[in-house]
Amino acid sequence: MLDMDRDVRSVVRAFIATRLAPSAGRAEIADDEDLIDTGVVNSLGIFQLVAFLEERFQIAIGDEEITPENFGTIDGIERLVASRIAARAA
């Protein structure tokens, strides 16, 4: 599970760094940094991120899961994706 977690985190970090962070003028993002408060992720960014995660990891993310807790940090996104992958495998 640890390797999968690292892989998910790396994929999420790369997407945010290349697709979302530049529009916020950011080059580096810490895993525990608040993406919403810093402006890295806005409402459009959430939409793009959810679409990317669903396609890349073949998971479904419900509207009720789109919360600051789940999408506020790279750590939160990784936990959500890992839980959806685990649920799919069960």
PDB file of N, CA and C in Angstrom:
ATOM      1  N   MET A   1       0.828  -1.196   0.000  1.00  0.00           N
ATOM      2  CA  MET A   1       0.000   0.000   0.000  1.00  0.00           C
ATOM      3  C   MET A   1       0.871   1.258   0.000  1.00  0.00           C
ATOM      4  N   LEU A   2       2.024   1.173   0.655  1.00  0.00           N
ATOM      5  CA  LEU A   2       2.891   2.340   0.741  1.00  0.00           C
ATOM      6  C   LEU A   2       3.359   2.790  -0.642  1.00  0.00           C
ATOM      7  N   ASP A   3       3.733   1.845  -1.516  1.00  0.00           N
ATOM      8  CA  ASP A   3       4.166   2.213  -2.861  1.00  0.00           C
ATOM      9  C   ASP A   3       3.028   2.850  -3.647  1.00  0.00           C
ATOM     10  N   MET A   4       1.816   2.288  -3.518  1.00  0.00           N
ATOM     11  CA  MET A   4       0.671   2.864  -4.212  1.00  0.00           C
ATOM     12  C   MET A   4       0.426   4.288  -3.722  1.00  0.00           C
ATOM     13  N   ASP A   5       0.526   4.501  -2.412  1.00  0.00           N
ATOM     14  CA  ASP A   5       0.333   5.835  -1.850  1.00  0.00           C
ATOM     15  C   ASP A   5       1.339   6.822  -2.429  1.00  0.00           C
ATOM     16  N   ARG A   6       2.590   6.394  -2.533  1.00  0.00           N
ATOM     17  CA  ARG A   6       3.624   7.263  -3.101  1.00  0.00           C
ATOM     18  C   ARG A   6       3.343   7.551  -4.569  1.00  0.00           C
ATOM     19  N   ASP A   7       2.900   6.521  -5.305  1.00  0.00           N
ATOM     20  CA  ASP A   7       2.581   6.706  -6.716  1.00  0.00           C
ATOM     21  C   ASP A   7       1.427   7.684  -6.889  1.00  0.00           C
ATOM     22  N   VAL A   8       0.372   7.517  -6.098  1.00  0.00           N
ATOM     23  CA  VAL A   8      -0.779   8.426  -6.160  1.00  0.00           C
ATOM     24  C   VAL A   8      -0.318   9.841  -5.849  1.00  0.00           C
ATOM     25  N   ARG A   9       0.447   9.989  -4.796  1.00  0.00           N
ATOM     26  CA  ARG A   9       0.937  11.310  -4.383  1.00  0.00           C
ATOM     27  C   ARG A   9       1.776  11.947  -5.498  1.00  0.00           C
ATOM     28  N   SER A  10       2.640  11.168  -6.118  1.00  0.00           N
ATOM     29  CA  SER A  10       3.489  11.689  -7.197  1.00  0.00           C
ATOM     30  C   SER A  10       2.665  12.145  -8.391  1.00  0.00           C
ATOM     31  N   VAL A  11       1.663  11.355  -8.758  1.00  0.00           N
ATOM     32  CA  VAL A  11       0.800  11.701  -9.889  1.00  0.00           C
ATOM     33  C   VAL A  11       0.001  12.964  -9.575  1.00  0.00           C
ATOM     34  N   VAL A  12      -0.552  13.031  -8.376  1.00  0.00           N
ATOM     35  CA  VAL A  12      -1.335  14.204  -7.964  1.00  0.00           C
ATOM     36  C   VAL A  12      -0.439  15.439  -7.930  1.00  0.00           C
ATOM     37  N   ARG A  13       0.733  15.306  -7.342  1.00  0.00           N
ATOM     38  CA  ARG A  13       1.660  16.441  -7.250  1.00  0.00           C
ATOM     39  C   ARG A  13       2.040  16.934  -8.648  1.00  0.00           C
ATOM     40  N   ALA A  14       2.329  16.007  -9.560  1.00  0.00           N
ATOM     41  CA  ALA A  14       2.719  16.389 -10.919  1.00  0.00           C
ATOM     42  C   ALA A  14       1.581  17.122 -11.636  1.00  0.00           C
ATOM     43  N   PHE A  15       0.353  16.632 -11.486  1.00  0.00           N
ATOM     44  CA  PHE A  15      -0.791  17.292 -12.125  1.00  0.00           C
ATOM     45  C   PHE A  15      -0.956  18.709 -11.584  1.00  0.00           C
ATOM     46  N   ILE A  16      -0.906  18.844 -10.277  1.00  0.00           N
ATOM     47  CA  ILE A  16      -1.078  20.163  -9.665  1.00  0.00           C
ATOM     48  C   ILE A  16       0.056  21.098 -10.080  1.00  0.00           C
ATOM     49  N   ALA A  17       1.278  20.585 -10.083  1.00  0.00           N
ATOM     50  CA  ALA A  17       2.435  21.415 -10.424  1.00  0.00           C
ATOM     51  C   ALA A  17       2.401  21.892 -11.872  1.00  0.00           C
ATOM     52  N   THR A  18       1.915  21.044 -12.774  1.00  0.00           N
ATOM     53  CA  THR A  18       1.939  21.420 -14.184  1.00  0.00           C
ATOM     54  C   THR A  18       0.661  22.088 -14.667  1.00  0.00           C
ATOM     55  N   ARG A  19      -0.477  21.751 -14.072  1.00  0.00           N
ATOM     56  CA  ARG A  19      -1.754  22.243 -14.587  1.00  0.00           C
ATOM     57  C   ARG A  19      -2.388  23.339 -13.739  1.00  0.00           C
ATOM     58  N   LEU A  20      -2.174  23.320 -12.427  1.00  0.00           N
ATOM     59  CA  LEU A  20      -2.882  24.263 -11.560  1.00  0.00           C
ATOM     60  C   LEU A  20      -1.977  25.308 -10.916  1.00  0.00           C
ATOM     61  N   ALA A  21      -0.829  24.900 -10.431  1.00  0.00           N
ATOM     62  CA  ALA A  21       0.047  25.822  -9.704  1.00  0.00           C
ATOM     63  C   ALA A  21       0.545  26.997 -10.543  1.00  0.00           C
ATOM     64  N   PRO A  22       0.890  26.792 -11.823  1.00  0.00           N
ATOM     65  CA  PRO A  22       1.393  27.936 -12.594  1.00  0.00           C
ATOM     66  C   PRO A  22       0.413  29.109 -12.674  1.00  0.00           C
ATOM     67  N   SER A  23      -0.876  28.829 -12.760  1.00  0.00           N
ATOM     68  CA  SER A  23      -1.842  29.930 -12.846  1.00  0.00           C
ATOM     69  C   SER A  23      -1.934  30.709 -11.537  1.00  0.00           C
ATOM     70  N   ALA A  24      -1.470  30.097 -10.450  1.00  0.00           N
ATOM     71  CA  ALA A  24      -1.433  30.780  -9.153  1.00  0.00           C
ATOM     72  C   ALA A  24      -0.051  31.372  -8.889  1.00  0.00           C
ATOM     73  N   GLY A  25       0.838  31.274  -9.887  1.00  0.00           N
ATOM     74  CA  GLY A  25       2.182  31.807  -9.731  1.00  0.00           C
ATOM     75  C   GLY A  25       3.042  31.011  -8.772  1.00  0.00           C
ATOM     76  N   ARG A  26       2.752  29.724  -8.657  1.00  0.00           N
ATOM     77  CA  ARG A  26       3.475  28.873  -7.710  1.00  0.00           C
ATOM     78  C   ARG A  26       4.334  27.865  -8.458  1.00  0.00           C
ATOM     79  N   ALA A  27       5.548  27.656  -7.973  1.00  0.00           N
ATOM     80  CA  ALA A  27       6.441  26.671  -8.568  1.00  0.00           C
ATOM     81  C   ALA A  27       6.510  25.408  -7.721  1.00  0.00           C
ATOM     82  N   GLU A  28       6.369  25.553  -6.415  1.00  0.00           N
ATOM     83  CA  GLU A  28       6.478  24.404  -5.515  1.00  0.00           C
ATOM     84  C   GLU A  28       5.298  24.389  -4.562  1.00  0.00           C
ATOM     85  N   ILE A  29       4.839  23.171  -4.260  1.00  0.00           N
ATOM     86  CA  ILE A  29       3.707  22.980  -3.352  1.00  0.00           C
ATOM     87  C   ILE A  29       4.069  21.873  -2.369  1.00  0.00           C
ATOM     88  N   ALA A  30       3.944  22.147  -1.083  1.00  0.00           N
ATOM     89  CA  ALA A  30       4.170  21.118  -0.058  1.00  0.00           C
ATOM     90  C   ALA A  30       2.938  20.222   0.034  1.00  0.00           C
ATOM     91  N   ASP A  31       3.151  18.964   0.423  1.00  0.00           N
ATOM     92  CA  ASP A  31       2.055  17.995   0.503  1.00  0.00           C
ATOM     93  C   ASP A  31       0.971  18.408   1.488  1.00  0.00           C
ATOM     94  N   ASP A  32       1.343  19.175   2.510  1.00  0.00           N
ATOM     95  CA  ASP A  32       0.360  19.578   3.520  1.00  0.00           C
ATOM     96  C   ASP A  32      -0.073  21.044   3.378  1.00  0.00           C
ATOM     97  N   GLU A  33       0.343  21.685   2.302  1.00  0.00           N
ATOM     98  CA  GLU A  33      -0.010  23.088   2.071  1.00  0.00           C
ATOM     99  C   GLU A  33      -1.475  23.210   1.647  1.00  0.00           C
ATOM    100  N   ASP A  34      -2.160  24.216   2.141  1.00  0.00           N
ATOM    101  CA  ASP A  34      -3.570  24.414   1.811  1.00  0.00           C
ATOM    102  C   ASP A  34      -3.696  24.950   0.386  1.00  0.00           C
ATOM    103  N   LEU A  35      -4.162  24.094  -0.500  1.00  0.00           N
ATOM    104  CA  LEU A  35      -4.249  24.438  -1.917  1.00  0.00           C
ATOM    105  C   LEU A  35      -5.348  25.453  -2.210  1.00  0.00           C
ATOM    106  N   ILE A  36      -6.384  25.437  -1.407  1.00  0.00           N
ATOM    107  CA  ILE A  36      -7.510  26.340  -1.628  1.00  0.00           C
ATOM    108  C   ILE A  36      -7.172  27.745  -1.125  1.00  0.00           C
ATOM    109  N   ASP A  37      -6.676  27.836   0.108  1.00  0.00           N
ATOM    110  CA  ASP A  37      -6.339  29.146   0.684  1.00  0.00           C
ATOM    111  C   ASP A  37      -5.239  29.862  -0.090  1.00  0.00           C
ATOM    112  N   THR A  38      -4.315  29.102  -0.678  1.00  0.00           N
ATOM    113  CA  THR A  38      -3.218  29.713  -1.426  1.00  0.00           C
ATOM    114  C   THR A  38      -3.604  30.035  -2.865  1.00  0.00           C
ATOM    115  N   GLY A  39      -4.809  29.638  -3.272  1.00  0.00           N
ATOM    116  CA  GLY A  39      -5.275  29.932  -4.623  1.00  0.00           C
ATOM    117  C   GLY A  39      -4.784  28.982  -5.692  1.00  0.00           C
ATOM    118  N   VAL A  40      -4.090  27.929  -5.294  1.00  0.00           N
ATOM    119  CA  VAL A  40      -3.606  26.950  -6.267  1.00  0.00           C
ATOM    120  C   VAL A  40      -4.783  26.198  -6.883  1.00  0.00           C
ATOM    121  N   VAL A  41      -5.766  25.868  -6.053  1.00  0.00           N
ATOM    122  CA  VAL A  41      -6.966  25.172  -6.527  1.00  0.00           C
ATOM    123  C   VAL A  41      -8.177  26.065  -6.288  1.00  0.00           C
ATOM    124  N   ASN A  42      -8.889  26.366  -7.362  1.00  0.00           N
ATOM    125  CA  ASN A  42     -10.140  27.117  -7.264  1.00  0.00           C
ATOM    126  C   ASN A  42     -11.262  26.204  -7.757  1.00  0.00           C
ATOM    127  N   SER A  43     -12.446  26.734  -7.970  1.00  0.00           N
ATOM    128  CA  SER A  43     -13.571  25.879  -8.360  1.00  0.00           C
ATOM    129  C   SER A  43     -13.322  25.194  -9.701  1.00  0.00           C
ATOM    130  N   LEU A  44     -12.748  25.889 -10.656  1.00  0.00           N
ATOM    131  CA  LEU A  44     -12.427  25.269 -11.936  1.00  0.00           C
ATOM    132  C   LEU A  44     -11.334  24.217 -11.760  1.00  0.00           C
ATOM    133  N   GLY A  45     -10.359  24.525 -10.918  1.00  0.00           N
ATOM    134  CA  GLY A  45      -9.283  23.576 -10.641  1.00  0.00           C
ATOM    135  C   GLY A  45      -9.790  22.299 -10.002  1.00  0.00           C
ATOM    136  N   ILE A  46     -10.766  22.419  -9.111  1.00  0.00           N
ATOM    137  CA  ILE A  46     -11.373  21.229  -8.490  1.00  0.00           C
ATOM    138  C   ILE A  46     -12.008  20.367  -9.573  1.00  0.00           C
ATOM    139  N   PHE A  47     -12.757  20.993 -10.479  1.00  0.00           N
ATOM    140  CA  PHE A  47     -13.411  20.268 -11.570  1.00  0.00           C
ATOM    141  C   PHE A  47     -12.371  19.532 -12.417  1.00  0.00           C
ATOM    142  N   GLN A  48     -11.292  20.227 -12.788  1.00  0.00           N
ATOM    143  CA  GLN A  48     -10.230  19.613 -13.588  1.00  0.00           C
ATOM    144  C   GLN A  48      -9.561  18.475 -12.830  1.00  0.00           C
ATOM    145  N   LEU A  49      -9.322  18.689 -11.556  1.00  0.00           N
ATOM    146  CA  LEU A  49      -8.665  17.684 -10.730  1.00  0.00           C
ATOM    147  C   LEU A  49      -9.527  16.439 -10.579  1.00  0.00           C
ATOM    148  N   VAL A  50     -10.809  16.610 -10.315  1.00  0.00           N
ATOM    149  CA  VAL A  50     -11.714  15.466 -10.177  1.00  0.00           C
ATOM    150  C   VAL A  50     -11.763  14.678 -11.486  1.00  0.00           C
ATOM    151  N   ALA A  51     -11.909  15.370 -12.609  1.00  0.00           N
ATOM    152  CA  ALA A  51     -11.955  14.692 -13.910  1.00  0.00           C
ATOM    153  C   ALA A  51     -10.664  13.918 -14.159  1.00  0.00           C
ATOM    154  N   PHE A  52      -9.526  14.528 -13.848  1.00  0.00           N
ATOM    155  CA  PHE A  52      -8.237  13.863 -14.020  1.00  0.00           C
ATOM    156  C   PHE A  52      -8.135  12.626 -13.139  1.00  0.00           C
ATOM    157  N   LEU A  53      -8.470  12.762 -11.857  1.00  0.00           N
ATOM    158  CA  LEU A  53      -8.359  11.637 -10.921  1.00  0.00           C
ATOM    159  C   LEU A  53      -9.273  10.485 -11.327  1.00  0.00           C
ATOM    160  N   GLU A  54     -10.492  10.802 -11.722  1.00  0.00           N
ATOM    161  CA  GLU A  54     -11.432   9.748 -12.118  1.00  0.00           C
ATOM    162  C   GLU A  54     -10.922   8.990 -13.339  1.00  0.00           C
ATOM    163  N   GLU A  55     -10.372   9.715 -14.299  1.00  0.00           N
ATOM    164  CA  GLU A  55      -9.857   9.059 -15.503  1.00  0.00           C
ATOM    165  C   GLU A  55      -8.564   8.300 -15.225  1.00  0.00           C
ATOM    166  N   ARG A  56      -7.638   8.943 -14.559  1.00  0.00           N
ATOM    167  CA  ARG A  56      -6.313   8.345 -14.333  1.00  0.00           C
ATOM    168  C   ARG A  56      -6.375   7.109 -13.449  1.00  0.00           C
ATOM    169  N   PHE A  57      -7.196   7.147 -12.392  1.00  0.00           N
ATOM    170  CA  PHE A  57      -7.236   6.045 -11.433  1.00  0.00           C
ATOM    171  C   PHE A  57      -8.480   5.166 -11.572  1.00  0.00           C
ATOM    172  N   GLN A  58      -9.316   5.469 -12.564  1.00  0.00           N
ATOM    173  CA  GLN A  58     -10.527   4.672 -12.807  1.00  0.00           C
ATOM    174  C   GLN A  58     -11.378   4.549 -11.545  1.00  0.00           C
ATOM    175  N   ILE A  59     -11.649   5.701 -10.934  1.00  0.00           N
ATOM    176  CA  ILE A  59     -12.463   5.764  -9.720  1.00  0.00           C
ATOM    177  C   ILE A  59     -13.610   6.737  -9.954  1.00  0.00           C
ATOM    178  N   ALA A  60     -14.587   6.687  -9.079  1.00  0.00           N
ATOM    179  CA  ALA A  60     -15.680   7.659  -9.099  1.00  0.00           C
ATOM    180  C   ALA A  60     -15.603   8.479  -7.819  1.00  0.00           C
ATOM    181  N   ILE A  61     -15.694   9.781  -7.966  1.00  0.00           N
ATOM    182  CA  ILE A  61     -15.683  10.685  -6.816  1.00  0.00           C
ATOM    183  C   ILE A  61     -17.047  11.365  -6.772  1.00  0.00           C
ATOM    184  N   GLY A  62     -17.783  11.115  -5.695  1.00  0.00           N
ATOM    185  CA  GLY A  62     -19.114  11.693  -5.547  1.00  0.00           C
ATOM    186  C   GLY A  62     -19.057  13.158  -5.160  1.00  0.00           C
ATOM    187  N   ASP A  63     -20.123  13.869  -5.490  1.00  0.00           N
ATOM    188  CA  ASP A  63     -20.195  15.295  -5.151  1.00  0.00           C
ATOM    189  C   ASP A  63     -19.974  15.533  -3.660  1.00  0.00           C
ATOM    190  N   GLU A  64     -20.480  14.614  -2.829  1.00  0.00           N
ATOM    191  CA  GLU A  64     -20.352  14.762  -1.377  1.00  0.00           C
ATOM    192  C   GLU A  64     -18.906  14.611  -0.903  1.00  0.00           C
ATOM    193  N   GLU A  65     -18.047  14.058  -1.762  1.00  0.00           N
ATOM    194  CA  GLU A  65     -16.635  13.887  -1.405  1.00  0.00           C
ATOM    195  C   GLU A  65     -15.786  15.100  -1.788  1.00  0.00           C
ATOM    196  N   ILE A  66     -16.357  16.022  -2.510  1.00  0.00           N
ATOM    197  CA  ILE A  66     -15.619  17.213  -2.933  1.00  0.00           C
ATOM    198  C   ILE A  66     -15.718  18.247  -1.814  1.00  0.00           C
ATOM    199  N   THR A  67     -14.816  18.091  -0.860  1.00  0.00           N
ATOM    200  CA  THR A  67     -14.785  18.929   0.337  1.00  0.00           C
ATOM    201  C   THR A  67     -13.381  19.498   0.528  1.00  0.00           C
ATOM    202  N   PRO A  68     -13.254  20.574   1.301  1.00  0.00           N
ATOM    203  CA  PRO A  68     -11.921  21.091   1.607  1.00  0.00           C
ATOM    204  C   PRO A  68     -11.036  20.046   2.296  1.00  0.00           C
ATOM    205  N   GLU A  69     -11.642  19.188   3.104  1.00  0.00           N
ATOM    206  CA  GLU A  69     -10.860  18.145   3.770  1.00  0.00           C
ATOM    207  C   GLU A  69     -10.217  17.205   2.750  1.00  0.00           C
ATOM    208  N   ASN A  70     -10.954  16.850   1.715  1.00  0.00           N
ATOM    209  CA  ASN A  70     -10.439  15.920   0.710  1.00  0.00           C
ATOM    210  C   ASN A  70      -9.591  16.591  -0.360  1.00  0.00           C
ATOM    211  N   PHE A  71      -9.863  17.847  -0.681  1.00  0.00           N
ATOM    212  CA  PHE A  71      -9.172  18.509  -1.781  1.00  0.00           C
ATOM    213  C   PHE A  71      -8.353  19.715  -1.351  1.00  0.00           C
ATOM    214  N   GLY A  72      -8.194  19.923  -0.051  1.00  0.00           N
ATOM    215  CA  GLY A  72      -7.451  21.077   0.442  1.00  0.00           C
ATOM    216  C   GLY A  72      -5.948  20.926   0.403  1.00  0.00           C
ATOM    217  N   THR A  73      -5.473  19.676   0.407  1.00  0.00           N
ATOM    218  CA  THR A  73      -4.028  19.425   0.392  1.00  0.00           C
ATOM    219  C   THR A  73      -3.736  18.221  -0.497  1.00  0.00           C
ATOM    220  N   ILE A  74      -2.497  18.090  -0.905  1.00  0.00           N
ATOM    221  CA  ILE A  74      -2.087  16.898  -1.652  1.00  0.00           C
ATOM    222  C   ILE A  74      -2.281  15.669  -0.779  1.00  0.00           C
ATOM    223  N   ASP A  75      -1.980  15.780   0.515  1.00  0.00           N
ATOM    224  CA  ASP A  75      -2.202  14.661   1.445  1.00  0.00           C
ATOM    225  C   ASP A  75      -3.663  14.221   1.429  1.00  0.00           C
ATOM    226  N   GLY A  76      -4.582  15.168   1.500  1.00  0.00           N
ATOM    227  CA  GLY A  76      -6.010  14.852   1.508  1.00  0.00           C
ATOM    228  C   GLY A  76      -6.455  14.194   0.215  1.00  0.00           C
ATOM    229  N   ILE A  77      -5.964  14.696  -0.901  1.00  0.00           N
ATOM    230  CA  ILE A  77      -6.313  14.118  -2.202  1.00  0.00           C
ATOM    231  C   ILE A  77      -5.792  12.686  -2.284  1.00  0.00           C
ATOM    232  N   GLU A  78      -4.571  12.476  -1.838  1.00  0.00           N
ATOM    233  CA  GLU A  78      -3.979  11.129  -1.866  1.00  0.00           C
ATOM    234  C   GLU A  78      -4.797  10.164  -1.019  1.00  0.00           C
ATOM    235  N   ARG A  79      -5.213  10.597   0.165  1.00  0.00           N
ATOM    236  CA  ARG A  79      -6.027   9.729   1.032  1.00  0.00           C
ATOM    237  C   ARG A  79      -7.351   9.373   0.367  1.00  0.00           C
ATOM    238  N   LEU A  80      -7.997  10.352  -0.243  1.00  0.00           N
ATOM    239  CA  LEU A  80      -9.268  10.106  -0.917  1.00  0.00           C
ATOM    240  C   LEU A  80      -9.090   9.112  -2.062  1.00  0.00           C
ATOM    241  N   VAL A  81      -8.105   9.344  -2.904  1.00  0.00           N
ATOM    242  CA  VAL A  81      -7.877   8.457  -4.048  1.00  0.00           C
ATOM    243  C   VAL A  81      -7.542   7.051  -3.571  1.00  0.00           C
ATOM    244  N   ALA A  82      -6.672   6.934  -2.572  1.00  0.00           N
ATOM    245  CA  ALA A  82      -6.313   5.610  -2.047  1.00  0.00           C
ATOM    246  C   ALA A  82      -7.538   4.890  -1.496  1.00  0.00           C
ATOM    247  N   SER A  83      -8.427   5.612  -0.825  1.00  0.00           N
ATOM    248  CA  SER A  83      -9.629   4.976  -0.274  1.00  0.00           C
ATOM    249  C   SER A  83     -10.577   4.539  -1.387  1.00  0.00           C
ATOM    250  N   ARG A  84     -10.675   5.321  -2.457  1.00  0.00           N
ATOM    251  CA  ARG A  84     -11.533   4.945  -3.588  1.00  0.00           C
ATOM    252  C   ARG A  84     -10.949   3.742  -4.331  1.00  0.00           C
ATOM    253  N   ILE A  85      -9.630   3.679  -4.463  1.00  0.00           N
ATOM    254  CA  ILE A  85      -8.990   2.523  -5.103  1.00  0.00           C
ATOM    255  C   ILE A  85      -9.218   1.281  -4.259  1.00  0.00           C
ATOM    256  N   ALA A  86      -9.054   1.410  -2.939  1.00  0.00           N
ATOM    257  CA  ALA A  86      -9.265   0.272  -2.031  1.00  0.00           C
ATOM    258  C   ALA A  86     -10.716  -0.198  -2.085  1.00  0.00           C
ATOM    259  N   ALA A  87     -11.658   0.735  -2.153  1.00  0.00           N
ATOM    260  CA  ALA A  87     -13.079   0.370  -2.219  1.00  0.00           C
ATOM    261  C   ALA A  87     -13.386  -0.358  -3.523  1.00  0.00           C
ATOM    262  N   ARG A  88     -12.749   0.063  -4.586  1.00  0.00           N
ATOM    263  CA  ARG A  88     -12.945  -0.585  -5.886  1.00  0.00           C
ATOM    264  C   ARG A  88     -12.415  -2.012  -5.870  1.00  0.00           C
ATOM    265  N   ALA A  89     -11.300  -2.215  -5.167  1.00  0.00           N
ATOM    266  CA  ALA A  89     -10.665  -3.533  -5.113  1.00  0.00           C
ATOM    267  C   ALA A  89     -11.394  -4.496  -4.182  1.00  0.00           C
ATOM    268  N   ALA A  90     -12.199  -3.969  -3.265  1.00  0.00           N
ATOM    269  CA  ALA A  90     -12.878  -4.823  -2.276  1.00  0.00           C
ATOM    270  C   ALA A  90     -14.038  -5.588  -2.874  1.00  0.00           C
TER     271      ALA A  90
END
